[in-house]
Amino acid sequence: MKRGGWIKAIGLIMAMVTTQGGCIDPRGQSNARLRDYSLIGEEKAIDPETGDTVVTSHWEYEDGVTTTTKRRIPRGHEDRRWDRPPPRVVD
């Protein structure tokens, strides 16, 4: 490799090394925790237009916040798995 090639390679390496500090997360670690939840109620109904089963689930997090999820099960489909709400992240 000629002298110009070495200078370009070293310049590229130096540019990469100097920009690595920008990739560090300045916030450090997060204090976020996941909250537990429990099922407090569930309703099943048949949609008269499509024949789908609509399952409405009511959930409560450990800090008292409630949420509702809806799941549509197509007519003739045998999927009966539990529907769970997404975890709620709290600072």
N, C-alpha and C. Protein backbone atom coordinates (compact mmCIF):
# COMPACT_ATOMS: atom_id res chain seq x y z
N MET A 1 0.85 -1.16 0.00
CA MET A 1 0.00 0.00 0.00
C MET A 1 0.90 1.24 0.00
N LYS A 2 0.51 2.19 -0.79
CA LYS A 2 1.30 3.42 -0.88
C LYS A 2 1.01 4.32 0.32
N ARG A 3 1.83 5.33 0.45
CA ARG A 3 1.72 6.23 1.59
C ARG A 3 0.34 6.90 1.66
N GLY A 4 -0.23 7.30 0.54
CA GLY A 4 -1.55 7.93 0.52
C GLY A 4 -2.63 6.99 1.02
N GLY A 5 -2.50 5.70 0.70
CA GLY A 5 -3.47 4.70 1.16
C GLY A 5 -3.44 4.54 2.67
N TRP A 6 -2.25 4.54 3.26
CA TRP A 6 -2.11 4.41 4.71
C TRP A 6 -2.71 5.62 5.42
N ILE A 7 -2.49 6.78 4.87
CA ILE A 7 -3.01 8.00 5.49
C ILE A 7 -4.54 7.98 5.47
N LYS A 8 -5.13 7.57 4.36
CA LYS A 8 -6.59 7.49 4.27
C LYS A 8 -7.14 6.45 5.25
N ALA A 9 -6.47 5.30 5.35
CA ALA A 9 -6.93 4.26 6.26
C ALA A 9 -6.85 4.72 7.71
N ILE A 10 -5.74 5.35 8.08
CA ILE A 10 -5.58 5.85 9.45
C ILE A 10 -6.59 6.96 9.72
N GLY A 11 -6.84 7.82 8.75
CA GLY A 11 -7.84 8.89 8.90
C GLY A 11 -9.24 8.31 9.14
N LEU A 12 -9.57 7.26 8.39
CA LEU A 12 -10.88 6.62 8.55
C LEU A 12 -11.01 5.98 9.94
N ILE A 13 -9.96 5.32 10.38
CA ILE A 13 -9.97 4.70 11.71
C ILE A 13 -10.09 5.76 12.80
N MET A 14 -9.37 6.85 12.67
CA MET A 14 -9.44 7.93 13.66
C MET A 14 -10.83 8.56 13.69
N ALA A 15 -11.46 8.72 12.53
CA ALA A 15 -12.82 9.28 12.49
C ALA A 15 -13.79 8.35 13.20
N MET A 16 -13.65 7.05 13.01
CA MET A 16 -14.53 6.09 13.68
C MET A 16 -14.31 6.10 15.18
N VAL A 17 -13.06 6.17 15.62
CA VAL A 17 -12.76 6.16 17.05
C VAL A 17 -13.31 7.42 17.73
N THR A 18 -13.19 8.56 17.08
CA THR A 18 -13.65 9.81 17.71
C THR A 18 -15.17 9.91 17.77
N THR A 19 -15.89 9.20 16.89
CA THR A 19 -17.35 9.27 16.92
C THR A 19 -17.97 8.19 17.80
N GLN A 20 -17.21 7.29 18.36
CA GLN A 20 -17.76 6.23 19.20
C GLN A 20 -18.41 6.77 20.46
N GLY A 21 -17.96 7.89 20.97
CA GLY A 21 -18.55 8.47 22.17
C GLY A 21 -20.01 8.87 21.97
N GLY A 22 -20.41 9.15 20.75
CA GLY A 22 -21.79 9.51 20.46
C GLY A 22 -22.73 8.33 20.52
N CYS A 23 -22.22 7.12 20.55
CA CYS A 23 -23.06 5.93 20.59
C CYS A 23 -23.43 5.50 22.01
N ILE A 24 -22.85 6.11 22.99
CA ILE A 24 -23.11 5.74 24.38
C ILE A 24 -24.41 6.39 24.83
N ASP A 25 -25.28 5.64 25.50
CA ASP A 25 -26.55 6.16 25.99
C ASP A 25 -26.27 7.07 27.19
N PRO A 26 -26.56 8.37 27.09
CA PRO A 26 -26.24 9.29 28.19
C PRO A 26 -27.11 9.09 29.42
N ARG A 27 -28.27 8.41 29.28
CA ARG A 27 -29.17 8.25 30.42
C ARG A 27 -28.72 7.17 31.37
N GLY A 28 -27.85 6.29 30.94
CA GLY A 28 -27.45 5.18 31.80
C GLY A 28 -28.56 4.16 31.89
N GLN A 29 -28.72 3.56 33.04
CA GLN A 29 -29.77 2.54 33.20
C GLN A 29 -31.10 3.17 33.55
N SER A 30 -32.16 2.51 33.15
CA SER A 30 -33.51 2.99 33.42
C SER A 30 -34.02 2.41 34.74
N ASN A 31 -34.91 3.14 35.41
CA ASN A 31 -35.54 2.66 36.65
C ASN A 31 -36.86 1.96 36.36
N ALA A 32 -37.20 1.77 35.08
CA ALA A 32 -38.51 1.21 34.72
C ALA A 32 -38.67 -0.21 35.25
N ARG A 33 -39.92 -0.52 35.67
CA ARG A 33 -40.25 -1.87 36.12
C ARG A 33 -41.53 -2.30 35.40
N LEU A 34 -41.73 -3.59 35.32
CA LEU A 34 -42.96 -4.12 34.76
C LEU A 34 -43.96 -4.33 35.88
N ARG A 35 -45.22 -3.98 35.63
CA ARG A 35 -46.28 -4.16 36.62
C ARG A 35 -47.00 -5.48 36.34
N ASP A 36 -47.35 -6.22 37.40
CA ASP A 36 -48.14 -7.43 37.26
C ASP A 36 -49.59 -7.05 36.96
N TYR A 37 -50.32 -7.96 36.35
CA TYR A 37 -51.72 -7.70 36.03
C TYR A 37 -52.52 -8.97 36.23
N SER A 38 -53.83 -8.81 36.35
CA SER A 38 -54.70 -9.97 36.51
C SER A 38 -55.99 -9.74 35.72
N LEU A 39 -56.60 -10.84 35.30
CA LEU A 39 -57.86 -10.79 34.57
C LEU A 39 -58.99 -10.58 35.56
N ILE A 40 -59.80 -9.52 35.36
CA ILE A 40 -60.90 -9.25 36.29
C ILE A 40 -62.27 -9.53 35.67
N GLY A 41 -62.31 -9.73 34.36
CA GLY A 41 -63.59 -10.03 33.72
C GLY A 41 -63.41 -10.34 32.25
N GLU A 42 -64.35 -11.12 31.71
CA GLU A 42 -64.27 -11.47 30.30
C GLU A 42 -65.68 -11.66 29.76
N GLU A 43 -65.94 -11.12 28.58
CA GLU A 43 -67.24 -11.24 27.94
C GLU A 43 -67.05 -11.80 26.54
N LYS A 44 -67.91 -12.73 26.15
CA LYS A 44 -67.86 -13.29 24.80
C LYS A 44 -69.17 -12.97 24.11
N ALA A 45 -69.07 -12.58 22.84
CA ALA A 45 -70.27 -12.27 22.05
C ALA A 45 -70.01 -12.68 20.60
N ILE A 46 -71.08 -12.95 19.89
CA ILE A 46 -70.98 -13.30 18.47
C ILE A 46 -71.36 -12.06 17.66
N ASP A 47 -70.50 -11.67 16.73
CA ASP A 47 -70.78 -10.55 15.84
C ASP A 47 -71.83 -11.01 14.83
N PRO A 48 -73.01 -10.38 14.80
CA PRO A 48 -74.07 -10.86 13.91
C PRO A 48 -73.76 -10.69 12.41
N GLU A 49 -72.89 -9.75 12.07
CA GLU A 49 -72.57 -9.51 10.66
C GLU A 49 -71.60 -10.55 10.11
N THR A 50 -70.57 -10.88 10.88
CA THR A 50 -69.52 -11.76 10.38
C THR A 50 -69.55 -13.16 10.98
N GLY A 51 -70.18 -13.31 12.12
CA GLY A 51 -70.18 -14.60 12.80
C GLY A 51 -68.95 -14.84 13.64
N ASP A 52 -68.06 -13.85 13.71
CA ASP A 52 -66.84 -13.96 14.52
C ASP A 52 -67.20 -13.91 16.00
N THR A 53 -66.41 -14.60 16.81
CA THR A 53 -66.54 -14.49 18.26
C THR A 53 -65.68 -13.33 18.72
N VAL A 54 -66.26 -12.41 19.47
CA VAL A 54 -65.53 -11.25 20.00
C VAL A 54 -65.37 -11.46 21.50
N VAL A 55 -64.12 -11.54 21.95
CA VAL A 55 -63.83 -11.73 23.37
C VAL A 55 -63.29 -10.41 23.91
N THR A 56 -64.00 -9.83 24.87
CA THR A 56 -63.58 -8.59 25.51
C THR A 56 -63.06 -8.95 26.89
N SER A 57 -61.78 -8.66 27.14
CA SER A 57 -61.15 -8.99 28.43
C SER A 57 -60.85 -7.70 29.19
N HIS A 58 -61.12 -7.70 30.49
CA HIS A 58 -60.83 -6.56 31.35
C HIS A 58 -59.69 -6.96 32.29
N TRP A 59 -58.67 -6.12 32.35
CA TRP A 59 -57.46 -6.41 33.13
C TRP A 59 -57.22 -5.30 34.14
N GLU A 60 -56.58 -5.66 35.26
CA GLU A 60 -56.20 -4.67 36.27
C GLU A 60 -54.74 -4.87 36.64
N TYR A 61 -53.98 -3.77 36.58
CA TYR A 61 -52.59 -3.80 37.00
C TYR A 61 -52.52 -3.70 38.52
N GLU A 62 -51.37 -4.05 39.08
CA GLU A 62 -51.24 -4.07 40.54
C GLU A 62 -51.40 -2.70 41.19
N ASP A 63 -51.24 -1.63 40.41
CA ASP A 63 -51.40 -0.29 40.98
C ASP A 63 -52.81 0.27 40.77
N GLY A 64 -53.76 -0.59 40.31
CA GLY A 64 -55.15 -0.18 40.19
C GLY A 64 -55.58 0.29 38.82
N VAL A 65 -54.69 0.48 37.89
CA VAL A 65 -55.03 0.93 36.55
C VAL A 65 -55.67 -0.24 35.79
N THR A 66 -56.77 0.04 35.08
CA THR A 66 -57.46 -1.01 34.33
C THR A 66 -57.33 -0.75 32.83
N THR A 67 -57.43 -1.82 32.06
CA THR A 67 -57.38 -1.73 30.60
C THR A 67 -58.27 -2.82 30.02
N THR A 68 -58.65 -2.64 28.77
CA THR A 68 -59.52 -3.59 28.09
C THR A 68 -58.88 -4.01 26.78
N THR A 69 -58.96 -5.30 26.47
CA THR A 69 -58.49 -5.79 25.18
C THR A 69 -59.63 -6.52 24.50
N LYS A 70 -59.63 -6.47 23.15
CA LYS A 70 -60.63 -7.18 22.37
C LYS A 70 -59.91 -8.12 21.41
N ARG A 71 -60.47 -9.31 21.29
CA ARG A 71 -59.90 -10.31 20.39
C ARG A 71 -61.03 -10.85 19.53
N ARG A 72 -60.79 -10.91 18.23
CA ARG A 72 -61.78 -11.47 17.30
C ARG A 72 -61.30 -12.84 16.87
N ILE A 73 -62.14 -13.85 17.07
CA ILE A 73 -61.82 -15.20 16.65
C ILE A 73 -62.71 -15.50 15.43
N PRO A 74 -62.10 -15.74 14.27
CA PRO A 74 -62.90 -15.98 13.07
C PRO A 74 -63.82 -17.19 13.24
N ARG A 75 -64.91 -17.13 12.57
CA ARG A 75 -65.91 -18.21 12.62
C ARG A 75 -65.28 -19.52 12.17
N GLY A 76 -65.47 -20.57 12.96
CA GLY A 76 -64.93 -21.88 12.64
C GLY A 76 -63.48 -22.08 13.06
N HIS A 77 -62.87 -21.08 13.63
CA HIS A 77 -61.47 -21.17 14.05
C HIS A 77 -61.42 -21.68 15.49
N GLU A 78 -60.50 -22.56 15.80
CA GLU A 78 -60.45 -23.17 17.12
C GLU A 78 -59.38 -22.57 18.04
N ASP A 79 -58.95 -21.37 17.76
CA ASP A 79 -57.92 -20.72 18.59
C ASP A 79 -58.56 -20.23 19.88
N ARG A 80 -58.19 -20.81 21.01
CA ARG A 80 -58.75 -20.42 22.30
C ARG A 80 -57.66 -20.01 23.29
N ARG A 81 -56.55 -19.47 22.77
CA ARG A 81 -55.48 -19.05 23.67
C ARG A 81 -55.88 -17.80 24.42
N TRP A 82 -55.30 -17.61 25.60
CA TRP A 82 -55.59 -16.43 26.42
C TRP A 82 -55.01 -15.20 25.76
N ASP A 83 -55.75 -14.14 25.83
CA ASP A 83 -55.29 -12.85 25.34
C ASP A 83 -54.71 -12.08 26.53
N ARG A 84 -53.51 -11.61 26.41
CA ARG A 84 -52.86 -10.89 27.51
C ARG A 84 -52.59 -9.46 27.09
N PRO A 85 -52.73 -8.49 27.99
CA PRO A 85 -52.38 -7.12 27.64
C PRO A 85 -50.86 -6.97 27.59
N PRO A 86 -50.40 -5.97 26.91
CA PRO A 86 -48.96 -5.76 26.89
C PRO A 86 -48.46 -5.33 28.26
N PRO A 87 -47.22 -5.65 28.62
CA PRO A 87 -46.68 -5.21 29.91
C PRO A 87 -46.67 -3.68 29.98
N ARG A 88 -46.92 -3.14 31.13
CA ARG A 88 -46.92 -1.69 31.30
C ARG A 88 -45.63 -1.30 32.02
N VAL A 89 -44.86 -0.44 31.40
CA VAL A 89 -43.59 -0.02 31.96
C VAL A 89 -43.81 1.24 32.79
N VAL A 90 -43.33 1.23 34.02
CA VAL A 90 -43.53 2.35 34.94
C VAL A 90 -42.16 2.83 35.43
N ASP A 91 -41.96 4.13 35.42
CA ASP A 91 -40.71 4.70 35.95
C ASP A 91 -40.76 4.82 37.44
